[in-house]
Amino acid sequence: MVYLPADLEGPVRRKVEHFQQALDLLEQLNIEARLRLDKEKLKVKGGRGVAKKISARKRVSRKAPKKNAPKKDASKKKPPEKS
């Protein structure tokens, strides 16, 4: 935790609250823009390549593994020796 003098506590709390409100507004704008973009894509492409169900959930892209990345070889592992 960070120490704040008593005289700065009120202004800092207000600024943090305003920051949270700004983040909430940006999230709402993002959701509305995604919905509008999805509707336009459905209209223009006729739904090809676009999810039929329009949702405002964030899409998470998974990065494909690099082609030149070294692969781990499971055959190199030695079983534990029994004594």
Protein backbone atom coordinates (compact mmCIF):
# COMPACT_ATOMS: atom_id res chain seq x y z
CA MET A 1 0.00 0.00 0.00
CA VAL A 2 1.14 3.53 -0.70
CA TYR A 3 1.15 6.16 2.01
CA LEU A 4 -0.87 9.27 1.24
CA PRO A 5 -1.00 12.33 3.43
CA ALA A 6 -4.49 13.09 4.73
CA ASP A 7 -4.75 16.29 2.71
CA LEU A 8 -4.18 14.37 -0.58
CA GLU A 9 -6.45 11.43 0.15
CA GLY A 10 -9.66 13.09 -1.09
CA PRO A 11 -8.27 14.37 -4.41
CA VAL A 12 -6.54 11.07 -5.14
CA ARG A 13 -9.72 9.10 -4.44
CA ARG A 14 -11.66 11.34 -6.84
CA LYS A 15 -9.03 10.93 -9.55
CA VAL A 16 -9.05 7.15 -9.15
CA GLU A 17 -12.84 7.15 -9.35
CA HIS A 18 -12.76 9.29 -12.52
CA PHE A 19 -10.17 6.97 -14.01
CA GLN A 20 -12.41 3.96 -13.34
CA GLN A 21 -15.36 5.75 -14.94
CA ALA A 22 -13.23 6.52 -18.01
CA LEU A 23 -12.24 2.85 -18.30
CA ASP A 24 -15.89 1.80 -18.07
CA LEU A 25 -16.86 4.25 -20.81
CA LEU A 26 -14.05 3.02 -23.06
CA GLU A 27 -15.19 -0.56 -22.56
CA GLN A 28 -18.77 0.39 -23.51
CA LEU A 29 -17.51 2.18 -26.64
CA ASN A 30 -15.41 -0.85 -27.54
CA ILE A 31 -18.39 -3.19 -27.23
CA GLU A 32 -20.61 -0.92 -29.34
CA ALA A 33 -17.93 -0.58 -32.01
CA ARG A 34 -17.44 -4.36 -32.15
CA LEU A 35 -21.17 -4.92 -32.57
CA ARG A 36 -21.39 -2.28 -35.30
CA LEU A 37 -18.38 -3.75 -37.10
CA ASP A 38 -19.80 -7.27 -36.95
CA LYS A 39 -23.13 -6.05 -38.36
CA GLU A 40 -21.35 -4.28 -41.23
CA LYS A 41 -19.30 -7.38 -41.99
CA LEU A 42 -22.45 -9.50 -42.12
CA LYS A 43 -24.10 -6.98 -44.41
CA VAL A 44 -21.15 -6.62 -46.79
CA LYS A 45 -19.91 -10.19 -46.93
CA GLY A 46 -23.26 -11.83 -46.58
CA GLY A 47 -21.98 -13.58 -43.52
CA ARG A 48 -19.06 -15.35 -45.20
CA GLY A 49 -16.15 -15.78 -42.85
CA VAL A 50 -17.91 -13.95 -40.05
CA ALA A 51 -19.49 -15.55 -37.05
CA LYS A 52 -23.23 -15.70 -37.57
CA LYS A 53 -23.90 -15.00 -33.94
CA ILE A 54 -23.01 -11.42 -33.13
CA SER A 55 -21.58 -11.05 -29.69
CA ALA A 56 -19.64 -8.39 -27.85
CA ARG A 57 -17.32 -10.83 -26.15
CA LYS A 58 -13.67 -10.24 -26.69
CA ARG A 59 -12.11 -12.48 -29.27
CA VAL A 60 -8.89 -14.04 -28.13
CA SER A 61 -6.45 -14.83 -30.88
CA ARG A 62 -4.14 -17.71 -30.29
CA LYS A 63 -0.74 -17.37 -31.82
CA ALA A 64 0.31 -20.25 -33.98
CA PRO A 65 3.57 -21.86 -32.98
CA LYS A 66 6.57 -20.67 -34.96
CA LYS A 67 7.57 -23.02 -37.78
CA ASN A 68 11.26 -22.84 -36.94
CA ALA A 69 10.82 -23.23 -33.21
CA PRO A 70 12.72 -26.20 -31.82
CA LYS A 71 10.42 -29.01 -30.81
CA LYS A 72 10.85 -30.74 -27.50
CA ASP A 73 11.78 -34.34 -27.99
CA ALA A 74 10.18 -36.62 -25.41
CA SER A 75 12.44 -39.54 -26.38
CA LYS A 76 15.49 -37.80 -24.89
CA LYS A 77 14.08 -38.01 -21.39
CA LYS A 78 15.57 -40.77 -19.33
CA PRO A 79 13.36 -42.70 -16.96
CA PRO A 80 14.34 -42.40 -13.31
CA GLU A 81 16.81 -45.03 -12.26
CA LYS A 82 15.66 -47.54 -9.68
CA SER A 83 18.08 -48.34 -6.88
